[in-house]
Structures are given as structure tokens and as C-alpha cells.
């Protein structure tokens, strides 16, 4: 490479002024583009307002769910009937993901997909959770091209 550069320098110095200016301008523009790409952080695509609002509603609703160390599920501090625990498990896992990864909408969408997507079985007791999870899932899927 050094030899090529040693041959290139005399060739460029022998050129007339107009080509030297063109080569210098091109070199500077390429250098600035490279420096821009290196130093300016990539902008993250922000999610549409409807998706953010649906995510926030889901987050608030799912905060009601907690799991005790013994595995018992609580809704607003009240224990869930053990016969209904399996219906709450999907929502609890989604809630735990959201609490450990706040603001990660893509990850939350994937977690919902993992736990049934749009085909979870809900009961009257879990209907409120299903409503907010389904709303976010559909908003993200259609608006953010998530699926």
C-alpha cells in the first residue's frame, strides 16, 4: 500500500489545478461521511403514539400481577384461586418480562407471541389483562410491522 501511495502522490501533483480540486473535494467529502458515520449515533426508530399508549396501558395493568416465592400468584395483593392459576401464568410471564425490560416494545411483542400471540385462552377473571395485552399485540403488529 505504501508503494501505491508513493506512486500516486507524484501523479496527483502533476495534474492540472481543476482535477486536483475535484480529487481533494471528493476525498474530503468521503472523509466527512466516514467521520459522520463513526461519531454520530444511529437514530432509533420511535414507535407510533398508538403503540406507545397501548404499551403503557398494558404495563400499568400487568403491574397488578405478582408471584410469591412459593409460586402463588397475586392480583392487587389478593391470591388467585389455584384452579385459575394456569390462566394467569401467561400474563404473569409477560408482566415479569416487561418489569425486567422496561420500554422494550419489540421484546414485549415477542414475549406475547411466545405466550400465545393472539390465541390465549382467557376467563372472566383474566379478561382485563387479555384486553390490554391483545390491544398492544395488535397495535404493534399492524403499526410497527411487527409480524
N, C-alpha and C. Protein backbone atom coordinates (compact mmCIF):
# COMPACT_ATOMS: atom_id res chain seq x y z
N UNK A 1 0.82 -1.18 0.00
CA UNK A 1 0.00 0.00 0.00
C UNK A 1 0.87 1.25 0.00
N UNK A 2 1.96 1.20 0.73
CA UNK A 2 2.86 2.34 0.78
C UNK A 2 3.44 2.63 -0.60
N UNK A 3 3.77 1.57 -1.35
CA UNK A 3 4.30 1.77 -2.70
C UNK A 3 3.27 2.43 -3.59
N UNK A 4 2.02 2.01 -3.48
CA UNK A 4 0.95 2.61 -4.29
C UNK A 4 0.79 4.08 -3.96
N UNK A 5 0.88 4.40 -2.70
CA UNK A 5 0.76 5.80 -2.28
C UNK A 5 1.95 6.62 -2.79
N UNK A 6 3.14 6.02 -2.77
CA UNK A 6 4.34 6.72 -3.28
C UNK A 6 4.22 6.99 -4.77
N UNK A 7 3.55 6.11 -5.52
CA UNK A 7 3.35 6.31 -6.96
C UNK A 7 2.21 7.29 -7.23
N UNK A 8 1.20 7.28 -6.35
CA UNK A 8 0.02 8.13 -6.54
C UNK A 8 0.32 9.60 -6.30
N UNK A 9 1.15 9.91 -5.33
CA UNK A 9 1.43 11.30 -4.98
C UNK A 9 2.07 12.06 -6.13
N UNK A 10 3.11 11.55 -6.79
CA UNK A 10 3.67 12.29 -7.93
C UNK A 10 2.68 12.44 -9.08
N UNK A 11 1.84 11.42 -9.26
CA UNK A 11 0.85 11.51 -10.34
C UNK A 11 -0.16 12.63 -10.07
N UNK A 12 -0.64 12.72 -8.80
CA UNK A 12 -1.60 13.77 -8.45
C UNK A 12 -0.96 15.14 -8.52
N UNK A 13 0.28 15.27 -8.10
CA UNK A 13 0.94 16.59 -8.14
C UNK A 13 1.17 17.06 -9.57
N UNK A 14 1.24 16.15 -10.53
CA UNK A 14 1.45 16.53 -11.92
C UNK A 14 0.15 16.93 -12.61
N UNK A 15 -0.97 16.72 -11.98
CA UNK A 15 -2.26 17.06 -12.59
C UNK A 15 -2.47 18.58 -12.60
N UNK A 16 -3.31 19.06 -13.54
CA UNK A 16 -3.68 20.48 -13.53
C UNK A 16 -4.53 20.80 -12.30
N UNK A 17 -4.76 22.05 -12.06
CA UNK A 17 -5.43 22.51 -10.83
C UNK A 17 -6.87 22.01 -10.70
N UNK A 18 -7.66 21.98 -11.78
CA UNK A 18 -9.07 21.57 -11.71
C UNK A 18 -9.20 20.12 -11.24
N UNK A 19 -8.47 19.15 -11.82
CA UNK A 19 -8.58 17.78 -11.30
C UNK A 19 -8.09 17.64 -9.86
N UNK A 20 -7.08 18.43 -9.47
CA UNK A 20 -6.61 18.38 -8.08
C UNK A 20 -7.72 18.82 -7.13
N UNK A 21 -8.44 19.86 -7.50
CA UNK A 21 -9.55 20.35 -6.67
C UNK A 21 -10.65 19.29 -6.60
N UNK A 22 -10.96 18.66 -7.73
CA UNK A 22 -12.00 17.63 -7.75
C UNK A 22 -11.61 16.44 -6.88
N UNK A 23 -10.36 16.01 -6.98
CA UNK A 23 -9.88 14.87 -6.17
C UNK A 23 -9.88 15.23 -4.69
N UNK A 24 -9.42 16.43 -4.36
CA UNK A 24 -9.39 16.88 -2.97
C UNK A 24 -10.80 16.98 -2.39
N UNK A 25 -11.72 17.54 -3.18
CA UNK A 25 -13.10 17.68 -2.73
C UNK A 25 -13.73 16.31 -2.49
N UNK A 26 -13.51 15.41 -3.42
CA UNK A 26 -14.04 14.04 -3.27
C UNK A 26 -13.48 13.38 -2.02
N UNK A 27 -12.17 13.51 -1.83
CA UNK A 27 -11.50 12.91 -0.66
C UNK A 27 -12.06 13.49 0.65
N UNK A 28 -12.24 14.81 0.68
CA UNK A 28 -12.78 15.44 1.89
C UNK A 28 -14.22 15.01 2.16
N UNK A 29 -15.04 14.95 1.11
CA UNK A 29 -16.42 14.53 1.31
C UNK A 29 -16.50 13.09 1.84
N UNK A 30 -15.72 12.21 1.26
CA UNK A 30 -15.69 10.83 1.74
C UNK A 30 -15.20 10.76 3.19
N UNK A 31 -14.22 11.58 3.52
CA UNK A 31 -13.72 11.59 4.90
C UNK A 31 -14.79 12.08 5.87
N UNK A 32 -15.50 13.14 5.49
CA UNK A 32 -16.56 13.66 6.36
C UNK A 32 -17.69 12.64 6.51
N UNK A 33 -18.06 11.97 5.45
CA UNK A 33 -19.10 10.95 5.53
C UNK A 33 -18.67 9.83 6.47
N UNK A 34 -17.43 9.39 6.34
CA UNK A 34 -16.91 8.34 7.22
C UNK A 34 -16.93 8.81 8.68
N UNK A 35 -16.44 10.01 8.94
CA UNK A 35 -16.43 10.53 10.31
C UNK A 35 -17.85 10.69 10.86
N UNK A 36 -18.77 11.12 10.04
CA UNK A 36 -20.16 11.25 10.45
C UNK A 36 -20.72 9.88 10.86
N UNK A 37 -20.47 8.88 10.04
CA UNK A 37 -20.98 7.53 10.33
C UNK A 37 -20.37 6.97 11.61
N UNK A 38 -19.12 7.31 11.89
CA UNK A 38 -18.45 6.79 13.07
C UNK A 38 -18.90 7.51 14.34
N UNK A 39 -19.04 8.83 14.28
CA UNK A 39 -19.26 9.61 15.50
C UNK A 39 -20.70 9.97 15.82
N UNK A 40 -21.58 9.99 14.83
CA UNK A 40 -22.97 10.35 15.10
C UNK A 40 -23.74 9.07 15.39
N UNK A 41 -24.40 9.00 16.55
CA UNK A 41 -25.13 7.77 16.89
C UNK A 41 -26.30 7.54 15.94
N UNK A 42 -26.59 6.29 15.72
CA UNK A 42 -27.72 5.94 14.86
C UNK A 42 -29.02 6.32 15.57
N UNK A 43 -29.94 6.86 14.84
CA UNK A 43 -31.22 7.24 15.43
C UNK A 43 -32.10 6.01 15.50
N UNK A 44 -32.75 5.85 16.62
CA UNK A 44 -33.67 4.73 16.77
C UNK A 44 -35.03 5.16 16.25
N UNK A 45 -35.66 4.24 15.59
CA UNK A 45 -36.99 4.49 15.08
C UNK A 45 -37.95 4.53 16.25
N UNK A 46 -38.66 5.62 16.40
CA UNK A 46 -39.59 5.69 17.52
C UNK A 46 -40.91 5.04 17.11
N UNK A 47 -41.51 4.42 18.08
CA UNK A 47 -42.77 3.73 17.82
C UNK A 47 -43.89 4.76 17.69
N UNK A 48 -44.89 4.47 16.89
CA UNK A 48 -46.03 5.38 16.77
C UNK A 48 -46.72 5.58 18.12
N UNK A 49 -47.37 6.70 18.25
CA UNK A 49 -48.02 7.07 19.51
C UNK A 49 -49.02 6.02 19.97
N UNK A 50 -49.80 5.46 19.07
CA UNK A 50 -50.82 4.47 19.45
C UNK A 50 -50.17 3.23 20.08
N UNK A 51 -49.02 2.83 19.57
CA UNK A 51 -48.32 1.66 20.10
C UNK A 51 -47.79 1.98 21.49
N UNK A 52 -47.18 3.17 21.65
CA UNK A 52 -46.66 3.56 22.97
C UNK A 52 -47.77 3.62 24.01
N UNK A 53 -48.93 4.17 23.63
CA UNK A 53 -50.05 4.26 24.56
C UNK A 53 -50.57 2.88 24.94
N UNK A 54 -50.67 1.98 23.97
CA UNK A 54 -51.13 0.62 24.25
C UNK A 54 -50.13 -0.10 25.15
N UNK A 55 -48.83 0.12 24.92
CA UNK A 55 -47.80 -0.49 25.75
C UNK A 55 -47.90 0.02 27.19
N UNK A 56 -48.08 1.33 27.35
CA UNK A 56 -48.20 1.91 28.68
C UNK A 56 -49.42 1.37 29.43
N UNK A 57 -50.56 1.23 28.72
CA UNK A 57 -51.76 0.67 29.36
C UNK A 57 -51.51 -0.77 29.80
N UNK A 58 -50.87 -1.55 28.92
CA UNK A 58 -50.57 -2.94 29.25
C UNK A 58 -49.64 -3.01 30.46
N UNK A 59 -48.62 -2.16 30.46
CA UNK A 59 -47.67 -2.14 31.57
C UNK A 59 -48.38 -1.83 32.89
N UNK A 60 -49.24 -0.81 32.89
CA UNK A 60 -49.96 -0.45 34.11
C UNK A 60 -50.86 -1.59 34.58
N UNK A 61 -51.56 -2.22 33.65
CA UNK A 61 -52.49 -3.29 34.03
C UNK A 61 -51.73 -4.51 34.56
N UNK A 62 -50.63 -4.86 33.92
CA UNK A 62 -49.91 -6.07 34.32
C UNK A 62 -49.10 -5.88 35.60
N UNK A 63 -48.91 -4.63 36.03
CA UNK A 63 -48.22 -4.40 37.31
C UNK A 63 -49.01 -4.94 38.50
N UNK A 64 -50.28 -5.22 38.29
CA UNK A 64 -51.11 -5.77 39.36
C UNK A 64 -50.72 -7.21 39.69
N UNK A 65 -50.04 -7.88 38.76
CA UNK A 65 -49.69 -9.29 38.94
C UNK A 65 -48.34 -9.44 39.61
N UNK A 66 -48.28 -10.31 40.59
CA UNK A 66 -47.03 -10.63 41.30
C UNK A 66 -46.99 -12.12 41.56
N UNK A 67 -45.77 -12.65 41.72
CA UNK A 67 -45.61 -14.06 42.07
C UNK A 67 -44.82 -14.12 43.37
N UNK A 68 -45.33 -14.86 44.32
CA UNK A 68 -44.64 -15.06 45.59
C UNK A 68 -43.56 -16.13 45.40
N UNK A 69 -42.58 -16.18 46.31
CA UNK A 69 -41.52 -17.20 46.20
C UNK A 69 -42.06 -18.64 46.18
N UNK A 70 -43.22 -18.85 46.80
CA UNK A 70 -43.78 -20.21 46.80
C UNK A 70 -44.55 -20.52 45.51
N UNK A 71 -44.58 -19.55 44.57
CA UNK A 71 -45.24 -19.76 43.28
C UNK A 71 -46.66 -19.25 43.21
N UNK A 72 -47.19 -18.82 44.34
CA UNK A 72 -48.57 -18.33 44.36
C UNK A 72 -48.64 -17.00 43.60
N UNK A 73 -49.71 -16.81 42.84
CA UNK A 73 -49.91 -15.60 42.04
C UNK A 73 -50.86 -14.67 42.78
N UNK A 74 -50.49 -13.38 42.81
CA UNK A 74 -51.32 -12.36 43.44
C UNK A 74 -51.79 -11.35 42.40
N UNK A 75 -53.04 -10.92 42.56
CA UNK A 75 -53.58 -9.83 41.75
C UNK A 75 -53.96 -8.74 42.72
N UNK A 76 -53.29 -7.61 42.65
CA UNK A 76 -53.50 -6.50 43.59
C UNK A 76 -53.39 -6.97 45.03
N UNK A 77 -52.46 -7.87 45.30
CA UNK A 77 -52.22 -8.35 46.65
C UNK A 77 -53.12 -9.49 47.09
N UNK A 78 -54.13 -9.82 46.31
CA UNK A 78 -55.04 -10.92 46.67
C UNK A 78 -54.62 -12.19 45.94
N UNK A 79 -54.58 -13.30 46.64
CA UNK A 79 -54.17 -14.55 45.99
C UNK A 79 -55.20 -15.02 44.96
N UNK A 80 -54.69 -15.63 43.89
CA UNK A 80 -55.54 -16.17 42.84
C UNK A 80 -55.91 -17.60 43.21
N UNK A 81 -57.14 -17.96 42.92
CA UNK A 81 -57.60 -19.33 43.15
C UNK A 81 -56.67 -20.28 42.40
N UNK A 82 -56.10 -21.27 43.05
CA UNK A 82 -55.16 -22.19 42.39
C UNK A 82 -55.72 -22.84 41.13
N UNK A 83 -57.04 -23.00 41.05
CA UNK A 83 -57.64 -23.59 39.84
C UNK A 83 -57.52 -22.65 38.65
N UNK A 84 -57.37 -21.35 38.90
CA UNK A 84 -57.28 -20.36 37.82
C UNK A 84 -55.83 -19.94 37.53
N UNK A 85 -54.90 -20.45 38.30
CA UNK A 85 -53.51 -20.01 38.18
C UNK A 85 -52.94 -20.19 36.78
N UNK A 86 -53.32 -21.28 36.11
CA UNK A 86 -52.76 -21.50 34.77
C UNK A 86 -53.19 -20.42 33.78
N UNK A 87 -54.37 -19.83 33.98
CA UNK A 87 -54.83 -18.76 33.10
C UNK A 87 -54.03 -17.48 33.32
N UNK A 88 -53.59 -17.28 34.56
CA UNK A 88 -52.84 -16.08 34.90
C UNK A 88 -51.35 -16.20 34.53
N UNK A 89 -50.85 -17.41 34.37
CA UNK A 89 -49.42 -17.64 34.18
C UNK A 89 -48.88 -16.88 32.96
N UNK A 90 -49.59 -16.93 31.84
CA UNK A 90 -49.12 -16.22 30.63
C UNK A 90 -48.97 -14.73 30.89
N UNK A 91 -49.96 -14.15 31.53
CA UNK A 91 -49.93 -12.71 31.81
C UNK A 91 -48.83 -12.38 32.81
N UNK A 92 -48.63 -13.25 33.77
CA UNK A 92 -47.58 -13.05 34.75
C UNK A 92 -46.20 -13.07 34.09
N UNK A 93 -45.98 -14.01 33.18
CA UNK A 93 -44.69 -14.09 32.48
C UNK A 93 -44.46 -12.86 31.61
N UNK A 94 -45.50 -12.37 30.97
CA UNK A 94 -45.39 -11.14 30.17
C UNK A 94 -45.09 -9.96 31.10
N UNK A 95 -45.77 -9.91 32.25
CA UNK A 95 -45.54 -8.83 33.23
C UNK A 95 -44.11 -8.87 33.75
N UNK A 96 -43.60 -10.06 34.02
CA UNK A 96 -42.23 -10.18 34.52
C UNK A 96 -41.23 -9.73 33.45
N UNK A 97 -41.50 -10.06 32.19
CA UNK A 97 -40.61 -9.62 31.12
C UNK A 97 -40.59 -8.09 31.05
N UNK A 98 -41.77 -7.49 31.08
CA UNK A 98 -41.87 -6.03 30.98
C UNK A 98 -41.17 -5.36 32.16
N UNK A 99 -41.30 -5.92 33.36
CA UNK A 99 -40.67 -5.29 34.52
C UNK A 99 -39.14 -5.40 34.45
N UNK A 100 -38.63 -6.46 33.83
CA UNK A 100 -37.17 -6.62 33.69
C UNK A 100 -36.61 -5.93 32.46
N UNK A 101 -37.46 -5.58 31.49
CA UNK A 101 -37.03 -4.92 30.25
C UNK A 101 -37.95 -3.74 29.95
N UNK A 102 -37.94 -2.71 30.80
CA UNK A 102 -38.88 -1.59 30.60
C UNK A 102 -38.64 -0.89 29.27
N UNK A 103 -39.72 -0.60 28.57
CA UNK A 103 -39.64 0.14 27.32
C UNK A 103 -39.29 -0.70 26.10
N UNK A 104 -39.02 -1.98 26.26
CA UNK A 104 -38.66 -2.84 25.15
C UNK A 104 -39.92 -3.37 24.48
N UNK A 105 -40.48 -2.58 23.59
CA UNK A 105 -41.75 -2.95 22.96
C UNK A 105 -41.61 -4.15 22.03
N UNK A 106 -40.53 -4.20 21.30
CA UNK A 106 -40.31 -5.34 20.40
C UNK A 106 -40.18 -6.62 21.21
N UNK A 107 -39.43 -6.56 22.28
CA UNK A 107 -39.29 -7.72 23.15
C UNK A 107 -40.61 -8.12 23.79
N UNK A 108 -41.41 -7.14 24.19
CA UNK A 108 -42.72 -7.43 24.78
C UNK A 108 -43.62 -8.10 23.75
N UNK A 109 -43.57 -7.61 22.52
CA UNK A 109 -44.35 -8.22 21.44
C UNK A 109 -43.93 -9.68 21.26
N UNK A 110 -42.63 -9.92 21.24
CA UNK A 110 -42.13 -11.29 21.07
C UNK A 110 -42.50 -12.18 22.27
N UNK A 111 -42.49 -11.61 23.46
CA UNK A 111 -42.89 -12.36 24.66
C UNK A 111 -44.37 -12.73 24.58
N UNK A 112 -45.19 -11.81 24.12
CA UNK A 112 -46.62 -12.11 23.96
C UNK A 112 -46.80 -13.20 22.91
N UNK A 113 -46.04 -13.08 21.82
CA UNK A 113 -46.12 -14.10 20.77
C UNK A 113 -45.74 -15.47 21.35
N UNK A 114 -44.74 -15.49 22.19
CA UNK A 114 -44.27 -16.73 22.82
C UNK A 114 -45.36 -17.34 23.70
N UNK A 115 -46.17 -16.49 24.30
CA UNK A 115 -47.21 -16.97 25.21
C UNK A 115 -48.60 -16.90 24.58
N UNK A 116 -48.68 -17.32 23.34
CA UNK A 116 -49.98 -17.49 22.70
C UNK A 116 -50.34 -16.49 21.64
N UNK A 117 -49.56 -15.42 21.49
CA UNK A 117 -49.88 -14.43 20.46
C UNK A 117 -51.29 -13.91 20.62
N UNK A 118 -52.11 -14.12 19.61
CA UNK A 118 -53.49 -13.64 19.66
C UNK A 118 -54.45 -14.75 20.03
N UNK A 119 -53.94 -15.89 20.49
CA UNK A 119 -54.83 -17.03 20.74
C UNK A 119 -54.72 -17.60 22.15
N UNK A 120 -54.55 -16.74 23.14
CA UNK A 120 -54.53 -17.22 24.52
C UNK A 120 -55.96 -17.49 24.97
N UNK A 121 -56.13 -18.42 25.88
CA UNK A 121 -57.43 -18.68 26.47
C UNK A 121 -57.55 -17.81 27.71
N UNK A 122 -58.64 -17.06 27.79
CA UNK A 122 -58.83 -16.22 28.97
C UNK A 122 -60.17 -16.57 29.62
N UNK A 123 -60.30 -16.15 30.85
CA UNK A 123 -61.55 -16.34 31.59
C UNK A 123 -62.11 -14.97 31.92
N UNK A 124 -63.24 -14.95 32.58
CA UNK A 124 -63.81 -13.67 33.02
C UNK A 124 -62.83 -12.95 33.94
N UNK A 125 -62.10 -13.72 34.75
CA UNK A 125 -61.15 -13.13 35.69
C UNK A 125 -59.96 -12.49 34.99
N UNK A 126 -59.53 -13.06 33.87
CA UNK A 126 -58.32 -12.56 33.18
C UNK A 126 -58.67 -11.69 31.98
N UNK A 127 -59.94 -11.41 31.79
CA UNK A 127 -60.38 -10.65 30.61
C UNK A 127 -59.74 -9.26 30.54
N UNK A 128 -59.59 -8.59 31.65
CA UNK A 128 -58.98 -7.25 31.63
C UNK A 128 -57.53 -7.32 31.18
N UNK A 129 -56.81 -8.34 31.63
CA UNK A 129 -55.42 -8.50 31.21
C UNK A 129 -55.34 -8.85 29.72
N UNK A 130 -56.23 -9.73 29.30
CA UNK A 130 -56.24 -10.12 27.89
C UNK A 130 -56.55 -8.93 26.99
N UNK A 131 -57.43 -8.06 27.44
CA UNK A 131 -57.81 -6.90 26.62
C UNK A 131 -56.61 -5.99 26.36
N UNK A 132 -55.84 -5.67 27.39
CA UNK A 132 -54.70 -4.76 27.19
C UNK A 132 -53.55 -5.44 26.45
N UNK A 133 -53.34 -6.73 26.72
CA UNK A 133 -52.27 -7.46 26.02
C UNK A 133 -52.62 -7.59 24.54
N UNK A 134 -53.86 -7.95 24.25
CA UNK A 134 -54.29 -8.09 22.85
C UNK A 134 -54.23 -6.77 22.11
N UNK A 135 -54.64 -5.70 22.79
CA UNK A 135 -54.61 -4.38 22.14
C UNK A 135 -53.18 -4.01 21.77
N UNK A 136 -52.24 -4.17 22.70
CA UNK A 136 -50.85 -3.86 22.38
C UNK A 136 -50.34 -4.76 21.26
N UNK A 137 -50.64 -6.04 21.35
CA UNK A 137 -50.17 -7.00 20.35
C UNK A 137 -50.64 -6.59 18.96
N UNK A 138 -51.91 -6.26 18.83
CA UNK A 138 -52.46 -5.88 17.52
C UNK A 138 -51.90 -4.54 17.05
N UNK A 139 -51.80 -3.57 17.96
CA UNK A 139 -51.24 -2.25 17.59
C UNK A 139 -49.81 -2.40 17.08
N UNK A 140 -49.01 -3.15 17.82
CA UNK A 140 -47.60 -3.33 17.41
C UNK A 140 -47.52 -4.08 16.10
N UNK A 141 -48.33 -5.10 15.97
CA UNK A 141 -48.30 -5.93 14.76
C UNK A 141 -48.67 -5.12 13.52
N UNK A 142 -49.71 -4.33 13.60
CA UNK A 142 -50.16 -3.60 12.42
C UNK A 142 -49.37 -2.30 12.19
N UNK A 143 -49.12 -1.55 13.25
CA UNK A 143 -48.48 -0.25 13.10
C UNK A 143 -46.99 -0.34 12.94
N UNK A 144 -46.35 -1.21 13.70
CA UNK A 144 -44.89 -1.28 13.70
C UNK A 144 -44.36 -2.36 12.76
N UNK A 145 -45.26 -2.97 12.02
CA UNK A 145 -44.85 -4.04 11.11
C UNK A 145 -44.18 -5.16 11.88
N UNK A 146 -44.69 -5.46 13.08
CA UNK A 146 -44.08 -6.47 13.94
C UNK A 146 -44.33 -7.88 13.49
N UNK A 147 -45.24 -8.13 12.64
CA UNK A 147 -45.48 -9.51 12.27
C UNK A 147 -46.17 -9.59 11.01
